[in-house]
PDB file of all heavy atoms in Angstrom:
ATOM      1  N   GLY A   1    -120.357  43.393-106.760  1.00  0.00           N
ATOM      2  CA  GLY A   1    -119.246  44.314-106.955  1.00  0.00           C
ATOM      3  C   GLY A   1    -118.039  43.892-106.118  1.00  0.00           C
ATOM      4  O   GLY A   1    -118.165  43.140-105.120  1.00  0.00           O
ATOM      5  N   ALA A   2    -116.872  44.350-106.507  1.00  0.00           N
ATOM      6  CA  ALA A   2    -115.657  43.944-105.810  1.00  0.00           C
ATOM      7  C   ALA A   2    -115.744  44.324-104.342  1.00  0.00           C
ATOM      8  O   ALA A   2    -116.434  45.233-103.932  1.00  0.00           O
ATOM      9  CB  ALA A   2    -114.459  44.659-106.478  1.00  0.00           C
ATOM     10  N   PHE A   3    -114.991  43.544-103.539  1.00  0.00           N
ATOM     11  CA  PHE A   3    -114.837  43.786-102.134  1.00  0.00           C
ATOM     12  C   PHE A   3    -116.055  43.614-101.298  1.00  0.00           C
ATOM     13  O   PHE A   3    -116.229  44.174-100.221  1.00  0.00           O
ATOM     14  CB  PHE A   3    -114.265  45.217-101.850  1.00  0.00           C
ATOM     15  CG  PHE A   3    -112.966  45.486-102.656  1.00  0.00           C
ATOM     16  CD1 PHE A   3    -112.967  46.498-103.593  1.00  0.00           C
ATOM     17  CD2 PHE A   3    -111.843  44.741-102.472  1.00  0.00           C
ATOM     18  CE1 PHE A   3    -111.843  46.753-104.348  1.00  0.00           C
ATOM     19  CE2 PHE A   3    -110.680  44.979-103.173  1.00  0.00           C
ATOM     20  CZ  PHE A   3    -110.655  45.983-104.108  1.00  0.00           C
ATOM     21  N   GLY A   4    -117.028  42.806-101.809  1.00  0.00           N
ATOM     22  CA  GLY A   4    -118.192  42.472-100.974  1.00  0.00           C
ATOM     23  C   GLY A   4    -119.356  43.398-101.127  1.00  0.00           C
ATOM     24  O   GLY A   4    -120.062  43.658-100.149  1.00  0.00           O
ATOM     25  N   VAL A   5    -119.607  43.875-102.339  1.00  0.00           N
ATOM     26  CA  VAL A   5    -120.863  44.643-102.574  1.00  0.00           C
ATOM     27  C   VAL A   5    -121.873  43.766-103.308  1.00  0.00           C
ATOM     28  O   VAL A   5    -121.563  43.158-104.318  1.00  0.00           O
ATOM     29  CB  VAL A   5    -120.542  45.891-103.434  1.00  0.00           C
ATOM     30  CG1 VAL A   5    -121.771  46.761-103.579  1.00  0.00           C
ATOM     31  CG2 VAL A   5    -119.382  46.708-102.810  1.00  0.00           C
ATOM     32  N   PHE A   6    -123.098  43.717-102.765  1.00  0.00           N
ATOM     33  CA  PHE A   6    -124.113  42.808-103.311  1.00  0.00           C
ATOM     34  C   PHE A   6    -125.478  43.482-103.264  1.00  0.00           C
ATOM     35  O   PHE A   6    -125.788  44.249-102.323  1.00  0.00           O
ATOM     36  CB  PHE A   6    -124.201  41.523-102.501  1.00  0.00           C
ATOM     37  CG  PHE A   6    -122.982  40.692-102.526  1.00  0.00           C
ATOM     38  CD1 PHE A   6    -122.084  40.709-101.450  1.00  0.00           C
ATOM     39  CD2 PHE A   6    -122.697  39.845-103.580  1.00  0.00           C
ATOM     40  CE1 PHE A   6    -120.955  39.904-101.448  1.00  0.00           C
ATOM     41  CE2 PHE A   6    -121.555  39.077-103.611  1.00  0.00           C
ATOM     42  CZ  PHE A   6    -120.677  39.082-102.524  1.00  0.00           C
ATOM     43  N   SER A   7    -126.323  43.150-104.236  1.00  0.00           N
ATOM     44  CA  SER A   7    -127.759  43.243-104.123  1.00  0.00           C
ATOM     45  C   SER A   7    -128.285  41.887-104.486  1.00  0.00           C
ATOM     46  O   SER A   7    -128.363  41.536-105.671  1.00  0.00           O
ATOM     47  CB  SER A   7    -128.323  44.329-105.041  1.00  0.00           C
ATOM     48  OG  SER A   7    -129.716  44.445-104.859  1.00  0.00           O
ATOM     49  N   LEU A   8    -128.636  41.086-103.512  1.00  0.00           N
ATOM     50  CA  LEU A   8    -129.060  39.694-103.657  1.00  0.00           C
ATOM     51  C   LEU A   8    -130.566  39.625-103.641  1.00  0.00           C
ATOM     52  O   LEU A   8    -131.237  40.135-102.725  1.00  0.00           O
ATOM     53  CB  LEU A   8    -128.474  38.848-102.528  1.00  0.00           C
ATOM     54  CG  LEU A   8    -128.942  37.375-102.487  1.00  0.00           C
ATOM     55  CD1 LEU A   8    -128.302  36.580-103.605  1.00  0.00           C
ATOM     56  CD2 LEU A   8    -128.619  36.758-101.134  1.00  0.00           C
ATOM     57  N   VAL A   9    -131.125  38.952-104.641  1.00  0.00           N
ATOM     58  CA  VAL A   9    -132.563  38.769-104.749  1.00  0.00           C
ATOM     59  C   VAL A   9    -132.873  37.271-104.609  1.00  0.00           C
ATOM     60  O   VAL A   9    -132.310  36.442-105.313  1.00  0.00           O
ATOM     61  CB  VAL A   9    -133.092  39.276-106.083  1.00  0.00           C
ATOM     62  CG1 VAL A   9    -134.612  39.099-106.194  1.00  0.00           C
ATOM     63  CG2 VAL A   9    -132.730  40.746-106.328  1.00  0.00           C
ATOM     64  N   VAL A  10    -133.805  36.933-103.665  1.00  0.00           N
ATOM     65  CA  VAL A  10    -134.222  35.541-103.475  1.00  0.00           C
ATOM     66  C   VAL A  10    -135.722  35.496-103.728  1.00  0.00           C
ATOM     67  O   VAL A  10    -136.515  35.692-102.785  1.00  0.00           O
ATOM     68  CB  VAL A  10    -133.872  35.040-102.058  1.00  0.00           C
ATOM     69  CG1 VAL A  10    -134.162  33.524-101.969  1.00  0.00           C
ATOM     70  CG2 VAL A  10    -132.413  35.321-101.754  1.00  0.00           C
ATOM     71  N   PRO A  11    -136.164  35.265-104.951  1.00  0.00           N
ATOM     72  CA  PRO A  11    -137.618  35.316-105.267  1.00  0.00           C
ATOM     73  C   PRO A  11    -138.453  34.363-104.410  1.00  0.00           C
ATOM     74  O   PRO A  11    -139.530  34.709-103.970  1.00  0.00           O
ATOM     75  CB  PRO A  11    -137.646  34.944-106.734  1.00  0.00           C
ATOM     76  CG  PRO A  11    -136.321  35.334-107.278  1.00  0.00           C
ATOM     77  CD  PRO A  11    -135.342  35.028-106.168  1.00  0.00           C
ATOM     78  N   SER A  12    -137.934  33.166-104.127  1.00  0.00           N
ATOM     79  CA  SER A  12    -138.710  32.156-103.402  1.00  0.00           C
ATOM     80  C   SER A  12    -138.961  32.595-101.935  1.00  0.00           C
ATOM     81  O   SER A  12    -139.860  32.031-101.260  1.00  0.00           O
ATOM     82  CB  SER A  12    -137.997  30.821-103.388  1.00  0.00           C
ATOM     83  OG  SER A  12    -136.702  30.904-102.785  1.00  0.00           O
ATOM     84  N   ARG A  13    -138.205  33.573-101.450  1.00  0.00           N
ATOM     85  CA  ARG A  13    -138.385  34.051-100.056  1.00  0.00           C
ATOM     86  C   ARG A  13    -138.853  35.513-100.014  1.00  0.00           C
ATOM     87  O   ARG A  13    -138.935  36.077 -98.953  1.00  0.00           O
ATOM     88  CB  ARG A  13    -137.063  33.963 -99.271  1.00  0.00           C
ATOM     89  CG  ARG A  13    -136.388  32.578 -99.261  1.00  0.00           C
ATOM     90  CD  ARG A  13    -137.311  31.430 -98.848  1.00  0.00           C
ATOM     91  NE  ARG A  13    -136.575  30.266 -98.432  1.00  0.00           N
ATOM     92  CZ  ARG A  13    -136.096  29.310 -99.220  1.00  0.00           C
ATOM     93  NH1 ARG A  13    -136.263  29.411-100.524  1.00  0.00           N
ATOM     94  NH2 ARG A  13    -135.471  28.258 -98.709  1.00  0.00           N
ATOM     95  N   GLU A  14    -139.150  36.079-101.200  1.00  0.00           N
ATOM     96  CA  GLU A  14    -139.528  37.516-101.287  1.00  0.00           C
ATOM     97  C   GLU A  14    -138.504  38.392-100.528  1.00  0.00           C
ATOM     98  O   GLU A  14    -138.844  39.257 -99.763  1.00  0.00           O
ATOM     99  CB  GLU A  14    -140.949  37.750-100.736  1.00  0.00           C
ATOM    100  CG  GLU A  14    -142.030  37.000-101.454  1.00  0.00           C
ATOM    101  CD  GLU A  14    -143.386  37.267-100.839  1.00  0.00           C
ATOM    102  OE1 GLU A  14    -143.768  36.477 -99.937  1.00  0.00           O
ATOM    103  OE2 GLU A  14    -144.060  38.231-101.270  1.00  0.00           O
ATOM    104  N   LEU A  15    -137.219  38.111-100.793  1.00  0.00           N
ATOM    105  CA  LEU A  15    -136.127  38.661 -99.979  1.00  0.00           C
ATOM    106  C   LEU A  15    -135.137  39.370-100.843  1.00  0.00           C
ATOM    107  O   LEU A  15    -134.760  38.892-101.929  1.00  0.00           O
ATOM    108  CB  LEU A  15    -135.480  37.497 -99.239  1.00  0.00           C
ATOM    109  CG  LEU A  15    -134.298  37.793 -98.309  1.00  0.00           C
ATOM    110  CD1 LEU A  15    -134.769  38.599 -97.107  1.00  0.00           C
ATOM    111  CD2 LEU A  15    -133.680  36.455 -97.837  1.00  0.00           C
ATOM    112  N   VAL A  16    -134.690  40.535-100.384  1.00  0.00           N
ATOM    113  CA  VAL A  16    -133.587  41.264-100.990  1.00  0.00           C
ATOM    114  C   VAL A  16    -132.595  41.644 -99.880  1.00  0.00           C
ATOM    115  O   VAL A  16    -133.025  42.137 -98.828  1.00  0.00           O
ATOM    116  CB  VAL A  16    -134.059  42.536-101.722  1.00  0.00           C
ATOM    117  CG1 VAL A  16    -132.843  43.308-102.244  1.00  0.00           C
ATOM    118  CG2 VAL A  16    -135.006  42.222-102.858  1.00  0.00           C
ATOM    119  N   ILE A  17    -131.300  41.349-100.089  1.00  0.00           N
ATOM    120  CA  ILE A  17    -130.285  41.712 -99.152  1.00  0.00           C
ATOM    121  C   ILE A  17    -129.232  42.540 -99.884  1.00  0.00           C
ATOM    122  O   ILE A  17    -128.639  42.120-100.858  1.00  0.00           O
ATOM    123  CB  ILE A  17    -129.615  40.494 -98.522  1.00  0.00           C
ATOM    124  CG1 ILE A  17    -130.641  39.601 -97.825  1.00  0.00           C
ATOM    125  CG2 ILE A  17    -128.521  40.905 -97.533  1.00  0.00           C
ATOM    126  CD1 ILE A  17    -130.055  38.284 -97.300  1.00  0.00           C
ATOM    127  N   ALA A  18    -129.031  43.771 -99.404  1.00  0.00           N
ATOM    128  CA  ALA A  18    -128.029  44.673-100.007  1.00  0.00           C
ATOM    129  C   ALA A  18    -126.913  44.897 -99.032  1.00  0.00           C
ATOM    130  O   ALA A  18    -127.150  45.081 -97.840  1.00  0.00           O
ATOM    131  CB  ALA A  18    -128.674  46.004-100.389  1.00  0.00           C
ATOM    132  N   GLN A  19    -125.682  44.910 -99.547  1.00  0.00           N
ATOM    133  CA  GLN A  19    -124.512  45.113 -98.698  1.00  0.00           C
ATOM    134  C   GLN A  19    -123.451  45.906 -99.434  1.00  0.00           C
ATOM    135  O   GLN A  19    -123.224  45.714-100.624  1.00  0.00           O
ATOM    136  CB  GLN A  19    -123.910  43.765 -98.286  1.00  0.00           C
ATOM    137  CG  GLN A  19    -122.548  43.881 -97.641  1.00  0.00           C
ATOM    138  CD  GLN A  19    -121.962  42.542 -97.240  1.00  0.00           C
ATOM    139  OE1 GLN A  19    -122.489  41.862 -96.353  1.00  0.00           O
ATOM    140  NE2 GLN A  19    -120.881  42.122 -97.908  1.00  0.00           N
ATOM    141  N   ILE A  20    -122.796  46.816 -98.711  1.00  0.00           N
ATOM    142  CA  ILE A  20    -121.596  47.499 -99.169  1.00  0.00           C
ATOM    143  C   ILE A  20    -120.514  47.212 -98.164  1.00  0.00           C
ATOM    144  O   ILE A  20    -120.735  47.357 -96.943  1.00  0.00           O
ATOM    145  CB  ILE A  20    -121.792  48.992 -99.360  1.00  0.00           C
ATOM    146  CG1 ILE A  20    -122.931  49.276-100.347  1.00  0.00           C
ATOM    147  CG2 ILE A  20    -120.525  49.672 -99.853  1.00  0.00           C
ATOM    148  CD1 ILE A  20    -123.282  50.747-100.546  1.00  0.00           C
ATOM    149  N   ALA A  21    -119.329  46.787 -98.616  1.00  0.00           N
ATOM    150  CA  ALA A  21    -118.261  46.399 -97.740  1.00  0.00           C
ATOM    151  C   ALA A  21    -116.907  46.713 -98.390  1.00  0.00           C
ATOM    152  O   ALA A  21    -116.812  47.048 -99.570  1.00  0.00           O
ATOM    153  CB  ALA A  21    -118.350  44.914 -97.435  1.00  0.00           C
ATOM    154  N   LEU A  22    -115.866  46.616 -97.576  1.00  0.00           N
ATOM    155  CA  LEU A  22    -114.508  46.585 -98.103  1.00  0.00           C
ATOM    156  C   LEU A  22    -113.870  45.303 -97.549  1.00  0.00           C
ATOM    157  O   LEU A  22    -113.252  45.318 -96.474  1.00  0.00           O
ATOM    158  CB  LEU A  22    -113.724  47.805 -97.677  1.00  0.00           C
ATOM    159  CG  LEU A  22    -112.266  47.832 -98.224  1.00  0.00           C
ATOM    160  CD1 LEU A  22    -112.285  47.985 -99.750  1.00  0.00           C
ATOM    161  CD2 LEU A  22    -111.430  48.893 -97.564  1.00  0.00           C
ATOM    162  N   ASP A  23    -114.113  44.224 -98.222  1.00  0.00           N
ATOM    163  CA  ASP A  23    -113.767  42.895 -97.726  1.00  0.00           C
ATOM    164  C   ASP A  23    -113.000  42.172 -98.793  1.00  0.00           C
ATOM    165  O   ASP A  23    -113.448  41.224 -99.424  1.00  0.00           O
ATOM    166  CB  ASP A  23    -115.100  42.171 -97.408  1.00  0.00           C
ATOM    167  CG  ASP A  23    -114.911  40.956 -96.545  1.00  0.00           C
ATOM    168  OD1 ASP A  23    -113.773  40.716 -96.084  1.00  0.00           O
ATOM    169  OD2 ASP A  23    -115.896  40.220 -96.288  1.00  0.00           O
ATOM    170  N   PRO A  24    -111.734  42.618 -99.043  1.00  0.00           N
ATOM    171  CA  PRO A  24    -111.058  42.154-100.249  1.00  0.00           C
ATOM    172  C   PRO A  24    -110.653  40.681-100.267  1.00  0.00           C
ATOM    173  O   PRO A  24    -110.455  40.110-101.351  1.00  0.00           O
ATOM    174  CB  PRO A  24    -109.797  43.005-100.253  1.00  0.00           C
ATOM    175  CG  PRO A  24    -109.588  43.425 -98.820  1.00  0.00           C
ATOM    176  CD  PRO A  24    -110.972  43.570 -98.269  1.00  0.00           C
ATOM    177  N   LEU A  25    -110.556  40.022 -99.122  1.00  0.00           N
ATOM    178  CA  LEU A  25    -110.042  38.647 -99.124  1.00  0.00           C
ATOM    179  C   LEU A  25    -111.162  37.598 -99.035  1.00  0.00           C
ATOM    180  O   LEU A  25    -110.941  36.478 -99.436  1.00  0.00           O
ATOM    181  CB  LEU A  25    -109.033  38.466 -97.941  1.00  0.00           C
ATOM    182  CG  LEU A  25    -107.818  39.369 -97.997  1.00  0.00           C
ATOM    183  CD1 LEU A  25    -106.939  39.080 -96.787  1.00  0.00           C
ATOM    184  CD2 LEU A  25    -107.067  39.185 -99.282  1.00  0.00           C
ATOM    185  N   SER A  26    -112.330  37.965 -98.540  1.00  0.00           N
ATOM    186  CA  SER A  26    -113.338  36.943 -98.321  1.00  0.00           C
ATOM    187  C   SER A  26    -114.730  37.466 -98.475  1.00  0.00           C
ATOM    188  O   SER A  26    -115.604  37.245 -97.614  1.00  0.00           O
ATOM    189  CB  SER A  26    -113.161  36.325 -96.926  1.00  0.00           C
ATOM    190  OG  SER A  26    -113.229  37.329 -95.915  1.00  0.00           O
ATOM    191  N   SER A  27    -114.993  38.174 -99.552  1.00  0.00           N
ATOM    192  CA  SER A  27    -116.300  38.813 -99.707  1.00  0.00           C
ATOM    193  C   SER A  27    -117.422  37.794 -99.723  1.00  0.00           C
ATOM    194  O   SER A  27    -118.438  37.945 -99.045  1.00  0.00           O
ATOM    195  CB  SER A  27    -116.303  39.642-100.954  1.00  0.00           C
ATOM    196  OG  SER A  27    -116.035  38.844-102.120  1.00  0.00           O
ATOM    197  N   PHE A  28    -117.325  36.706-100.471  1.00  0.00           N
ATOM    198  CA  PHE A  28    -118.376  35.716-100.535  1.00  0.00           C
ATOM    199  C   PHE A  28    -118.403  34.880 -99.253  1.00  0.00           C
ATOM    200  O   PHE A  28    -119.476  34.533 -98.752  1.00  0.00           O
ATOM    201  CB  PHE A  28    -118.157  34.795-101.745  1.00  0.00           C
ATOM    202  CG  PHE A  28    -118.600  35.401-103.048  1.00  0.00           C
ATOM    203  CD1 PHE A  28    -117.754  36.195-103.752  1.00  0.00           C
ATOM    204  CD2 PHE A  28    -119.884  35.172-103.556  1.00  0.00           C
ATOM    205  CE1 PHE A  28    -118.137  36.796-104.955  1.00  0.00           C
ATOM    206  CE2 PHE A  28    -120.298  35.731-104.758  1.00  0.00           C
ATOM    207  CZ  PHE A  28    -119.427  36.534-105.446  1.00  0.00           C
ATOM    208  N   GLU A  29    -117.227  34.564 -98.689  1.00  0.00           N
ATOM    209  CA  GLU A  29    -117.177  33.730 -97.496  1.00  0.00           C
ATOM    210  C   GLU A  29    -117.837  34.408 -96.320  1.00  0.00           C
ATOM    211  O   GLU A  29    -118.452  33.714 -95.483  1.00  0.00           O
ATOM    212  CB  GLU A  29    -115.734  33.406 -97.164  1.00  0.00           C
ATOM    213  CG  GLU A  29    -115.056  32.431 -98.113  1.00  0.00           C
ATOM    214  CD  GLU A  29    -114.535  33.094 -99.391  1.00  0.00           C
ATOM    215  OE1 GLU A  29    -114.819  34.300 -99.591  1.00  0.00           O
ATOM    216  OE2 GLU A  29    -113.843  32.436-100.178  1.00  0.00           O
ATOM    217  N   ASN A  30    -117.751  35.677 -96.188  1.00  0.00           N
ATOM    218  CA  ASN A  30    -118.397  36.413 -95.073  1.00  0.00           C
ATOM    219  C   ASN A  30    -119.893  36.649 -95.356  1.00  0.00           C
ATOM    220  O   ASN A  30    -120.703  36.653 -94.451  1.00  0.00           O
ATOM    221  CB  ASN A  30    -117.708  37.731 -94.809  1.00  0.00           C
ATOM    222  CG  ASN A  30    -116.454  37.583 -94.016  1.00  0.00           C
ATOM    223  OD1 ASN A  30    -116.241  36.579 -93.333  1.00  0.00           O
ATOM    224  ND2 ASN A  30    -115.544  38.553 -94.098  1.00  0.00           N
ATOM    225  N   PHE A  31    -120.197  36.899 -96.618  1.00  0.00           N
ATOM    226  CA  PHE A  31    -121.581  37.219 -96.961  1.00  0.00           C
ATOM    227  C   PHE A  31    -122.479  35.987 -96.883  1.00  0.00           C
ATOM    228  O   PHE A  31    -123.632  36.058 -96.439  1.00  0.00           O
ATOM    229  CB  PHE A  31    -121.615  37.770 -98.388  1.00  0.00           C
ATOM    230  CG  PHE A  31    -122.933  38.327 -98.814  1.00  0.00           C
ATOM    231  CD1 PHE A  31    -123.562  39.367 -98.119  1.00  0.00           C
ATOM    232  CD2 PHE A  31    -123.564  37.811 -99.970  1.00  0.00           C
ATOM    233  CE1 PHE A  31    -124.805  39.861 -98.538  1.00  0.00           C
ATOM    234  CE2 PHE A  31    -124.799  38.316-100.399  1.00  0.00           C
ATOM    235  CZ  PHE A  31    -125.428  39.340 -99.665  1.00  0.00           C
ATOM    236  N   SER A  32    -121.958  34.833 -97.240  1.00  0.00           N
ATOM    237  CA  SER A  32    -122.801  33.606 -97.319  1.00  0.00           C
ATOM    238  C   SER A  32    -123.438  33.197 -96.006  1.00  0.00           C
ATOM    239  O   SER A  32    -124.594  32.933 -95.946  1.00  0.00           O
ATOM    240  CB  SER A  32    -121.991  32.455 -97.940  1.00  0.00           C
ATOM    241  OG  SER A  32    -122.801  31.314 -98.078  1.00  0.00           O
ATOM    242  N   PRO A  33    -122.661  33.139 -94.883  1.00  0.00           N
ATOM    243  CA  PRO A  33    -123.325  32.742 -93.624  1.00  0.00           C
ATOM    244  C   PRO A  33    -124.371  33.779 -93.164  1.00  0.00           C
ATOM    245  O   PRO A  33    -125.363  33.396 -92.546  1.00  0.00           O
ATOM    246  CB  PRO A  33    -122.167  32.670 -92.612  1.00  0.00           C
ATOM    247  CG  PRO A  33    -121.011  33.361 -93.258  1.00  0.00           C
ATOM    248  CD  PRO A  33    -121.200  33.238 -94.730  1.00  0.00           C
ATOM    249  N   PHE A  34    -124.149  35.015 -93.496  1.00  0.00           N
ATOM    250  CA  PHE A  34    -125.149  36.029 -93.188  1.00  0.00           C
ATOM    251  C   PHE A  34    -126.444  35.749 -93.956  1.00  0.00           C
ATOM    252  O   PHE A  34    -127.560  35.797 -93.391  1.00  0.00           O
ATOM    253  CB  PHE A  34    -124.593  37.410 -93.490  1.00  0.00           C
ATOM    254  CG  PHE A  34    -125.596  38.516 -93.435  1.00  0.00           C
ATOM    255  CD1 PHE A  34    -126.410  38.732 -92.357  1.00  0.00           C
ATOM    256  CD2 PHE A  34    -125.760  39.382 -94.554  1.00  0.00           C
ATOM    257  CE1 PHE A  34    -127.338  39.756 -92.299  1.00  0.00           C
ATOM    258  CE2 PHE A  34    -126.692  40.403 -94.503  1.00  0.00           C
ATOM    259  CZ  PHE A  34    -127.454  40.602 -93.393  1.00  0.00           C
ATOM    260  N   VAL A  35    -126.305  35.488 -95.224  1.00  0.00           N
ATOM    261  CA  VAL A  35    -127.468  35.176 -96.060  1.00  0.00           C
ATOM    262  C   VAL A  35    -128.183  33.972 -95.501  1.00  0.00           C
ATOM    263  O   VAL A  35    -129.426  33.922 -95.392  1.00  0.00           O
ATOM    264  CB  VAL A  35    -127.055  34.958 -97.524  1.00  0.00           C
ATOM    265  CG1 VAL A  35    -128.248  34.481 -98.362  1.00  0.00           C
ATOM    266  CG2 VAL A  35    -126.538  36.255 -98.113  1.00  0.00           C
ATOM    267  N   ALA A  36    -127.408  32.945 -95.102  1.00  0.00           N
ATOM    268  CA  ALA A  36    -128.036  31.721 -94.558  1.00  0.00           C
ATOM    269  C   ALA A  36    -128.828  32.011 -93.308  1.00  0.00           C
ATOM    270  O   ALA A  36    -129.911  31.478 -93.116  1.00  0.00           O
ATOM    271  CB  ALA A  36    -126.935  30.674 -94.306  1.00  0.00           C
TER     272      ALA A  36
END
């Protein structure tokens, strides 16, 4: 969803990461290092 809202599923790691944010300029850029 816009502004950094995600429900990410990683089957190979049995992992789900959910986030709600208001991050209009860098939603993927901020989310990606956290996921890593």
